[in-house]
Amino acid sequence: MSIDKLNEMKNVDLRTVDRSTLVQRKDVRLKSKGSKQERIADYIRQIKNPYCYLDGKTVVKISFADTDRTIEDCFHTYFRGV
């Protein structure tokens, strides 16, 4: 997938997106086998747009931080401070 295509998906406006083009989150099945790249490619193939999808009747748009910190790092930091 090209960078231009990913940027196009990332820039979808959730207020005007055509809901019929979005995939229901519950219909995506994550693979537990295969390389990380294969599993990511399969996820993107199923979800079609990793930045915007449906969860029931709700349009969900997500973004990713440009950082090397993992979600696990964030959880560790959070729970140490609780």
PDB file of N, CA and C in Angstrom:
ATOM      1  N   MET A   1       0.854  -1.174   0.000  1.00  0.00           N
ATOM      2  CA  MET A   1       0.000   0.000   0.000  1.00  0.00           C
ATOM      3  C   MET A   1       0.900   1.238   0.000  1.00  0.00           C
ATOM      4  N   SER A   2       0.515   2.212  -0.790  1.00  0.00           N
ATOM      5  CA  SER A   2       1.336   3.411  -0.921  1.00  0.00           C
ATOM      6  C   SER A   2       1.108   4.385   0.240  1.00  0.00           C
ATOM      7  N   ILE A   3       2.085   5.246   0.444  1.00  0.00           N
ATOM      8  CA  ILE A   3       1.982   6.293   1.473  1.00  0.00           C
ATOM      9  C   ILE A   3       0.813   7.219   1.136  1.00  0.00           C
ATOM     10  N   ASP A   4       0.631   7.527  -0.145  1.00  0.00           N
ATOM     11  CA  ASP A   4      -0.477   8.406  -0.548  1.00  0.00           C
ATOM     12  C   ASP A   4      -1.828   7.797  -0.188  1.00  0.00           C
ATOM     13  N   LYS A   5      -1.974   6.487  -0.415  1.00  0.00           N
ATOM     14  CA  LYS A   5      -3.238   5.813  -0.084  1.00  0.00           C
ATOM     15  C   LYS A   5      -3.469   5.825   1.425  1.00  0.00           C
ATOM     16  N   LEU A   6      -2.420   5.558   2.214  1.00  0.00           N
ATOM     17  CA  LEU A   6      -2.548   5.596   3.668  1.00  0.00           C
ATOM     18  C   LEU A   6      -2.923   6.996   4.144  1.00  0.00           C
ATOM     19  N   ASN A   7      -2.303   8.025   3.573  1.00  0.00           N
ATOM     20  CA  ASN A   7      -2.641   9.401   3.950  1.00  0.00           C
ATOM     21  C   ASN A   7      -4.080   9.741   3.580  1.00  0.00           C
ATOM     22  N   GLU A   8      -4.531   9.255   2.449  1.00  0.00           N
ATOM     23  CA  GLU A   8      -5.928   9.468   2.042  1.00  0.00           C
ATOM     24  C   GLU A   8      -6.878   8.846   3.061  1.00  0.00           C
ATOM     25  N   MET A   9      -6.577   7.623   3.495  1.00  0.00           N
ATOM     26  CA  MET A   9      -7.418   6.953   4.492  1.00  0.00           C
ATOM     27  C   MET A   9      -7.362   7.697   5.823  1.00  0.00           C
ATOM     28  N   LYS A  10      -6.171   8.168   6.195  1.00  0.00           N
ATOM     29  CA  LYS A  10      -5.996   8.878   7.461  1.00  0.00           C
ATOM     30  C   LYS A  10      -6.775  10.188   7.490  1.00  0.00           C
ATOM     31  N   ASN A  11      -6.914  10.815   6.349  1.00  0.00           N
ATOM     32  CA  ASN A  11      -7.547  12.129   6.278  1.00  0.00           C
ATOM     33  C   ASN A  11      -9.054  12.088   6.035  1.00  0.00           C
ATOM     34  N   VAL A  12      -9.663  10.910   6.121  1.00  0.00           N
ATOM     35  CA  VAL A  12     -11.110  10.800   5.959  1.00  0.00           C
ATOM     36  C   VAL A  12     -11.803  11.644   7.028  1.00  0.00           C
ATOM     37  N   ASP A  13     -12.797  12.394   6.610  1.00  0.00           N
ATOM     38  CA  ASP A  13     -13.579  13.206   7.546  1.00  0.00           C
ATOM     39  C   ASP A  13     -14.733  12.351   8.061  1.00  0.00           C
ATOM     40  N   LEU A  14     -14.714  12.034   9.334  1.00  0.00           N
ATOM     41  CA  LEU A  14     -15.745  11.141   9.880  1.00  0.00           C
ATOM     42  C   LEU A  14     -17.145  11.735   9.824  1.00  0.00           C
ATOM     43  N   ARG A  15     -17.246  13.044   9.658  1.00  0.00           N
ATOM     44  CA  ARG A  15     -18.570  13.672   9.561  1.00  0.00           C
ATOM     45  C   ARG A  15     -19.192  13.489   8.184  1.00  0.00           C
ATOM     46  N   THR A  16     -18.372  13.248   7.176  1.00  0.00           N
ATOM     47  CA  THR A  16     -18.901  13.149   5.818  1.00  0.00           C
ATOM     48  C   THR A  16     -18.606  11.812   5.152  1.00  0.00           C
ATOM     49  N   VAL A  17     -17.947  10.903   5.853  1.00  0.00           N
ATOM     50  CA  VAL A  17     -17.580   9.617   5.261  1.00  0.00           C
ATOM     51  C   VAL A  17     -18.834   8.814   4.897  1.00  0.00           C
ATOM     52  N   ASP A  18     -18.758   8.104   3.790  1.00  0.00           N
ATOM     53  CA  ASP A  18     -19.843   7.227   3.350  1.00  0.00           C
ATOM     54  C   ASP A  18     -19.809   5.969   4.212  1.00  0.00           C
ATOM     55  N   ARG A  19     -20.778   5.822   5.094  1.00  0.00           N
ATOM     56  CA  ARG A  19     -20.810   4.691   6.032  1.00  0.00           C
ATOM     57  C   ARG A  19     -20.816   3.346   5.322  1.00  0.00           C
ATOM     58  N   SER A  20     -21.348   3.304   4.103  1.00  0.00           N
ATOM     59  CA  SER A  20     -21.416   2.032   3.378  1.00  0.00           C
ATOM     60  C   SER A  20     -20.028   1.543   2.960  1.00  0.00           C
ATOM     61  N   THR A  21     -19.017   2.410   3.032  1.00  0.00           N
ATOM     62  CA  THR A  21     -17.656   2.004   2.679  1.00  0.00           C
ATOM     63  C   THR A  21     -16.868   1.520   3.891  1.00  0.00           C
ATOM     64  N   LEU A  22     -17.454   1.638   5.098  1.00  0.00           N
ATOM     65  CA  LEU A  22     -16.747   1.277   6.324  1.00  0.00           C
ATOM     66  C   LEU A  22     -17.072  -0.146   6.751  1.00  0.00           C
ATOM     67  N   VAL A  23     -16.146  -0.751   7.461  1.00  0.00           N
ATOM     68  CA  VAL A  23     -16.266  -2.136   7.919  1.00  0.00           C
ATOM     69  C   VAL A  23     -16.623  -2.149   9.399  1.00  0.00           C
ATOM     70  N   GLN A  24     -17.495  -3.081   9.789  1.00  0.00           N
ATOM     71  CA  GLN A  24     -17.825  -3.278  11.194  1.00  0.00           C
ATOM     72  C   GLN A  24     -16.634  -3.924  11.905  1.00  0.00           C
ATOM     73  N   ARG A  25     -16.207  -3.339  12.998  1.00  0.00           N
ATOM     74  CA  ARG A  25     -15.076  -3.866  13.775  1.00  0.00           C
ATOM     75  C   ARG A  25     -15.290  -5.316  14.165  1.00  0.00           C
ATOM     76  N   LYS A  26     -16.507  -5.671  14.532  1.00  0.00           N
ATOM     77  CA  LYS A  26     -16.790  -7.035  15.004  1.00  0.00           C
ATOM     78  C   LYS A  26     -16.614  -8.086  13.908  1.00  0.00           C
ATOM     79  N   ASP A  27     -16.586  -7.647  12.644  1.00  0.00           N
ATOM     80  CA  ASP A  27     -16.437  -8.583  11.535  1.00  0.00           C
ATOM     81  C   ASP A  27     -14.975  -8.881  11.195  1.00  0.00           C
ATOM     82  N   VAL A  28     -14.051  -8.191  11.826  1.00  0.00           N
ATOM     83  CA  VAL A  28     -12.627  -8.394  11.566  1.00  0.00           C
ATOM     84  C   VAL A  28     -12.103  -9.475  12.500  1.00  0.00           C
ATOM     85  N   ARG A  29     -11.436 -10.448  11.927  1.00  0.00           N
ATOM     86  CA  ARG A  29     -10.855 -11.554  12.702  1.00  0.00           C
ATOM     87  C   ARG A  29      -9.343 -11.453  12.642  1.00  0.00           C
ATOM     88  N   LEU A  30      -8.713 -11.290  13.800  1.00  0.00           N
ATOM     89  CA  LEU A  30      -7.261 -11.168  13.854  1.00  0.00           C
ATOM     90  C   LEU A  30      -6.614 -12.544  13.824  1.00  0.00           C
ATOM     91  N   LYS A  31      -5.581 -12.657  13.009  1.00  0.00           N
ATOM     92  CA  LYS A  31      -4.825 -13.903  12.929  1.00  0.00           C
ATOM     93  C   LYS A  31      -3.832 -13.969  14.078  1.00  0.00           C
ATOM     94  N   SER A  32      -3.613 -15.146  14.605  1.00  0.00           N
ATOM     95  CA  SER A  32      -2.622 -15.306  15.670  1.00  0.00           C
ATOM     96  C   SER A  32      -1.334 -15.895  15.125  1.00  0.00           C
ATOM     97  N   LYS A  33      -1.363 -16.340  13.873  1.00  0.00           N
ATOM     98  CA  LYS A  33      -0.171 -16.940  13.267  1.00  0.00           C
ATOM     99  C   LYS A  33       0.300 -16.084  12.109  1.00  0.00           C
ATOM    100  N   GLY A  34       1.569 -16.251  11.782  1.00  0.00           N
ATOM    101  CA  GLY A  34       2.172 -15.506  10.686  1.00  0.00           C
ATOM    102  C   GLY A  34       3.067 -14.410  11.237  1.00  0.00           C
ATOM    103  N   SER A  35       3.845 -13.829  10.348  1.00  0.00           N
ATOM    104  CA  SER A  35       4.750 -12.755  10.763  1.00  0.00           C
ATOM    105  C   SER A  35       3.933 -11.510  11.099  1.00  0.00           C
ATOM    106  N   LYS A  36       4.574 -10.573  11.768  1.00  0.00           N
ATOM    107  CA  LYS A  36       3.911  -9.316  12.123  1.00  0.00           C
ATOM    108  C   LYS A  36       3.410  -8.620  10.865  1.00  0.00           C
ATOM    109  N   GLN A  37       4.228  -8.582   9.822  1.00  0.00           N
ATOM    110  CA  GLN A  37       3.825  -7.942   8.565  1.00  0.00           C
ATOM    111  C   GLN A  37       2.629  -8.637   7.939  1.00  0.00           C
ATOM    112  N   GLU A  38       2.608  -9.951   7.964  1.00  0.00           N
ATOM    113  CA  GLU A  38       1.483 -10.704   7.399  1.00  0.00           C
ATOM    114  C   GLU A  38       0.198 -10.423   8.169  1.00  0.00           C
ATOM    115  N   ARG A  39       0.309 -10.364   9.502  1.00  0.00           N
ATOM    116  CA  ARG A  39      -0.883 -10.104  10.316  1.00  0.00           C
ATOM    117  C   ARG A  39      -1.392  -8.685  10.108  1.00  0.00           C
ATOM    118  N   ILE A  40      -0.478  -7.712   9.986  1.00  0.00           N
ATOM    119  CA  ILE A  40      -0.890  -6.324   9.721  1.00  0.00           C
ATOM    120  C   ILE A  40      -1.560  -6.235   8.354  1.00  0.00           C
ATOM    121  N   ALA A  41      -0.963  -6.865   7.347  1.00  0.00           N
ATOM    122  CA  ALA A  41      -1.528  -6.839   5.993  1.00  0.00           C
ATOM    123  C   ALA A  41      -2.920  -7.468   5.985  1.00  0.00           C
ATOM    124  N   ASP A  42      -3.097  -8.562   6.708  1.00  0.00           N
ATOM    125  CA  ASP A  42      -4.406  -9.214   6.774  1.00  0.00           C
ATOM    126  C   ASP A  42      -5.427  -8.319   7.466  1.00  0.00           C
ATOM    127  N   TYR A  43      -5.015  -7.655   8.537  1.00  0.00           N
ATOM    128  CA  TYR A  43      -5.910  -6.731   9.246  1.00  0.00           C
ATOM    129  C   TYR A  43      -6.351  -5.604   8.311  1.00  0.00           C
ATOM    130  N   ILE A  44      -5.404  -5.001   7.610  1.00  0.00           N
ATOM    131  CA  ILE A  44      -5.742  -3.895   6.703  1.00  0.00           C
ATOM    132  C   ILE A  44      -6.633  -4.399   5.564  1.00  0.00           C
ATOM    133  N   ARG A  45      -6.369  -5.588   5.060  1.00  0.00           N
ATOM    134  CA  ARG A  45      -7.215  -6.163   4.006  1.00  0.00           C
ATOM    135  C   ARG A  45      -8.660  -6.284   4.488  1.00  0.00           C
ATOM    136  N   GLN A  46      -8.840  -6.698   5.739  1.00  0.00           N
ATOM    137  CA  GLN A  46     -10.186  -6.882   6.279  1.00  0.00           C
ATOM    138  C   GLN A  46     -10.866  -5.563   6.647  1.00  0.00           C
ATOM    139  N   ILE A  47     -10.156  -4.677   7.337  1.00  0.00           N
ATOM    140  CA  ILE A  47     -10.754  -3.447   7.856  1.00  0.00           C
ATOM    141  C   ILE A  47     -10.872  -2.381   6.764  1.00  0.00           C
ATOM    142  N   LYS A  48     -10.088  -2.533   5.705  1.00  0.00           N
ATOM    143  CA  LYS A  48     -10.044  -1.623   4.559  1.00  0.00           C
ATOM    144  C   LYS A  48      -9.417  -0.278   4.901  1.00  0.00           C
ATOM    145  N   ASN A  49      -9.851   0.368   5.960  1.00  0.00           N
ATOM    146  CA  ASN A  49      -9.246   1.632   6.390  1.00  0.00           C
ATOM    147  C   ASN A  49      -8.912   1.506   7.876  1.00  0.00           C
ATOM    148  N   PRO A  50      -7.627   1.390   8.217  1.00  0.00           N
ATOM    149  CA  PRO A  50      -7.262   1.208   9.623  1.00  0.00           C
ATOM    150  C   PRO A  50      -7.507   2.459  10.476  1.00  0.00           C
ATOM    151  N   TYR A  51      -7.840   3.563   9.844  1.00  0.00           N
ATOM    152  CA  TYR A  51      -8.064   4.816  10.566  1.00  0.00           C
ATOM    153  C   TYR A  51      -9.541   5.101  10.817  1.00  0.00           C
ATOM    154  N   CYS A  52     -10.427   4.430  10.110  1.00  0.00           N
ATOM    155  CA  CYS A  52     -11.856   4.744  10.226  1.00  0.00           C
ATOM    156  C   CYS A  52     -12.678   3.481   9.968  1.00  0.00           C
ATOM    157  N   TYR A  53     -13.553   3.155  10.906  1.00  0.00           N
ATOM    158  CA  TYR A  53     -14.372   1.952  10.800  1.00  0.00           C
ATOM    159  C   TYR A  53     -15.656   2.152  11.597  1.00  0.00           C
ATOM    160  N   LEU A  54     -16.528   1.157  11.556  1.00  0.00           N
ATOM    161  CA  LEU A  54     -17.777   1.217  12.320  1.00  0.00           C
ATOM    162  C   LEU A  54     -17.689   0.326  13.550  1.00  0.00           C
ATOM    163  N   ASP A  55     -18.247   0.815  14.641  1.00  0.00           N
ATOM    164  CA  ASP A  55     -18.438   0.011  15.846  1.00  0.00           C
ATOM    165  C   ASP A  55     -19.919   0.125  16.156  1.00  0.00           C
ATOM    166  N   GLY A  56     -20.682  -0.838  15.660  1.00  0.00           N
ATOM    167  CA  GLY A  56     -22.144  -0.722  15.735  1.00  0.00           C
ATOM    168  C   GLY A  56     -22.587   0.382  14.791  1.00  0.00           C
ATOM    169  N   LYS A  57     -23.316   1.369  15.321  1.00  0.00           N
ATOM    170  CA  LYS A  57     -23.781   2.485  14.510  1.00  0.00           C
ATOM    171  C   LYS A  57     -22.835   3.681  14.561  1.00  0.00           C
ATOM    172  N   THR A  58     -21.744   3.543  15.323  1.00  0.00           N
ATOM    173  CA  THR A  58     -20.829   4.657  15.542  1.00  0.00           C
ATOM    174  C   THR A  58     -19.642   4.593  14.588  1.00  0.00           C
ATOM    175  N   VAL A  59     -19.364   5.715  13.932  1.00  0.00           N
ATOM    176  CA  VAL A  59     -18.160   5.833  13.112  1.00  0.00           C
ATOM    177  C   VAL A  59     -17.001   6.155  14.055  1.00  0.00           C
ATOM    178  N   VAL A  60     -15.946   5.361  13.976  1.00  0.00           N
ATOM    179  CA  VAL A  60     -14.778   5.537  14.833  1.00  0.00           C
ATOM    180  C   VAL A  60     -13.605   5.962  13.957  1.00  0.00           C
ATOM    181  N   LYS A  61     -12.920   7.014  14.369  1.00  0.00           N
ATOM    182  CA  LYS A  61     -11.705   7.442  13.681  1.00  0.00           C
ATOM    183  C   LYS A  61     -10.580   7.455  14.703  1.00  0.00           C
ATOM    184  N   ILE A  62      -9.480   6.809  14.342  1.00  0.00           N
ATOM    185  CA  ILE A  62      -8.346   6.742  15.252  1.00  0.00           C
ATOM    186  C   ILE A  62      -7.120   7.360  14.598  1.00  0.00           C
ATOM    187  N   SER A  63      -6.163   7.710  15.440  1.00  0.00           N
ATOM    188  CA  SER A  63      -4.889   8.211  14.944  1.00  0.00           C
ATOM    189  C   SER A  63      -3.791   7.566  15.767  1.00  0.00           C
ATOM    190  N   PHE A  64      -2.598   7.634  15.253  1.00  0.00           N
ATOM    191  CA  PHE A  64      -1.462   7.011  15.898  1.00  0.00           C
ATOM    192  C   PHE A  64      -0.421   8.069  16.190  1.00  0.00           C
ATOM    193  N   ALA A  65       0.156   8.017  17.381  1.00  0.00           N
ATOM    194  CA  ALA A  65       1.197   8.973  17.759  1.00  0.00           C
ATOM    195  C   ALA A  65       2.496   8.640  17.027  1.00  0.00           C
ATOM    196  N   ASP A  66       3.214   9.656  16.650  1.00  0.00           N
ATOM    197  CA  ASP A  66       4.508   9.475  15.993  1.00  0.00           C
ATOM    198  C   ASP A  66       5.589   9.381  17.074  1.00  0.00           C
ATOM    199  N   THR A  67       5.691   8.188  17.676  1.00  0.00           N
ATOM    200  CA  THR A  67       6.606   7.979  18.797  1.00  0.00           C
ATOM    201  C   THR A  67       7.085   6.538  18.809  1.00  0.00           C
ATOM    202  N   ASP A  68       8.172   6.317  19.510  1.00  0.00           N
ATOM    203  CA  ASP A  68       8.687   4.958  19.675  1.00  0.00           C
ATOM    204  C   ASP A  68       8.091   4.265  20.905  1.00  0.00           C
ATOM    205  N   ARG A  69       7.350   5.016  21.728  1.00  0.00           N
ATOM    206  CA  ARG A  69       6.748   4.422  22.932  1.00  0.00           C
ATOM    207  C   ARG A  69       5.612   3.491  22.539  1.00  0.00           C
ATOM    208  N   THR A  70       5.568   2.345  23.182  1.00  0.00           N
ATOM    209  CA  THR A  70       4.488   1.393  22.941  1.00  0.00           C
ATOM    210  C   THR A  70       3.346   1.652  23.914  1.00  0.00           C
ATOM    211  N   ILE A  71       2.221   1.054  23.668  1.00  0.00           N
ATOM    212  CA  ILE A  71       1.102   1.193  24.597  1.00  0.00           C
ATOM    213  C   ILE A  71       1.463   0.574  25.944  1.00  0.00           C
ATOM    214  N   GLU A  72       2.282  -0.479  25.913  1.00  0.00           N
ATOM    215  CA  GLU A  72       2.730  -1.100  27.159  1.00  0.00           C
ATOM    216  C   GLU A  72       3.549  -0.110  27.987  1.00  0.00           C
ATOM    217  N   ASP A  73       4.430   0.651  27.319  1.00  0.00           N
ATOM    218  CA  ASP A  73       5.209   1.683  28.012  1.00  0.00           C
ATOM    219  C   ASP A  73       4.282   2.694  28.677  1.00  0.00           C
ATOM    220  N   CYS A  74       3.268   3.101  27.963  1.00  0.00           N
ATOM    221  CA  CYS A  74       2.316   4.087  28.502  1.00  0.00           C
ATOM    222  C   CYS A  74       1.575   3.531  29.713  1.00  0.00           C
ATOM    223  N   PHE A  75       1.146   2.259  29.626  1.00  0.00           N
ATOM    224  CA  PHE A  75       0.452   1.648  30.759  1.00  0.00           C
ATOM    225  C   PHE A  75       1.369   1.552  31.976  1.00  0.00           C
ATOM    226  N   HIS A  76       2.617   1.159  31.772  1.00  0.00           N
ATOM    227  CA  HIS A  76       3.567   1.072  32.887  1.00  0.00           C
ATOM    228  C   HIS A  76       3.727   2.439  33.561  1.00  0.00           C
ATOM    229  N   THR A  77       3.900   3.455  32.757  1.00  0.00           N
ATOM    230  CA  THR A  77       4.057   4.811  33.303  1.00  0.00           C
ATOM    231  C   THR A  77       2.802   5.234  34.077  1.00  0.00           C
ATOM    232  N   TYR A  78       1.636   4.944  33.489  1.00  0.00           N
ATOM    233  CA  TYR A  78       0.373   5.318  34.134  1.00  0.00           C
ATOM    234  C   TYR A  78       0.219   4.606  35.478  1.00  0.00           C
ATOM    235  N   PHE A  79       0.408   3.291  35.492  1.00  0.00           N
ATOM    236  CA  PHE A  79       0.167   2.531  36.717  1.00  0.00           C
ATOM    237  C   PHE A  79       1.211   2.795  37.803  1.00  0.00           C
ATOM    238  N   ARG A  80       2.397   3.199  37.416  1.00  0.00           N
ATOM    239  CA  ARG A  80       3.390   3.592  38.428  1.00  0.00           C
ATOM    240  C   ARG A  80       2.974   4.856  39.136  1.00  0.00           C
ATOM    241  N   GLY A  81       2.196   5.700  38.432  1.00  0.00           N
ATOM    242  CA  GLY A  81       1.773   6.958  39.004  1.00  0.00           C
ATOM    243  C   GLY A  81       0.472   6.894  39.783  1.00  0.00           C
ATOM    244  N   VAL A  82      -0.207   5.764  39.738  1.00  0.00           N
ATOM    245  CA  VAL A  82      -1.502   5.622  40.434  1.00  0.00           C
ATOM    246  C   VAL A  82      -1.298   5.358  41.894  1.00  0.00           C
TER     247      VAL A  82
END
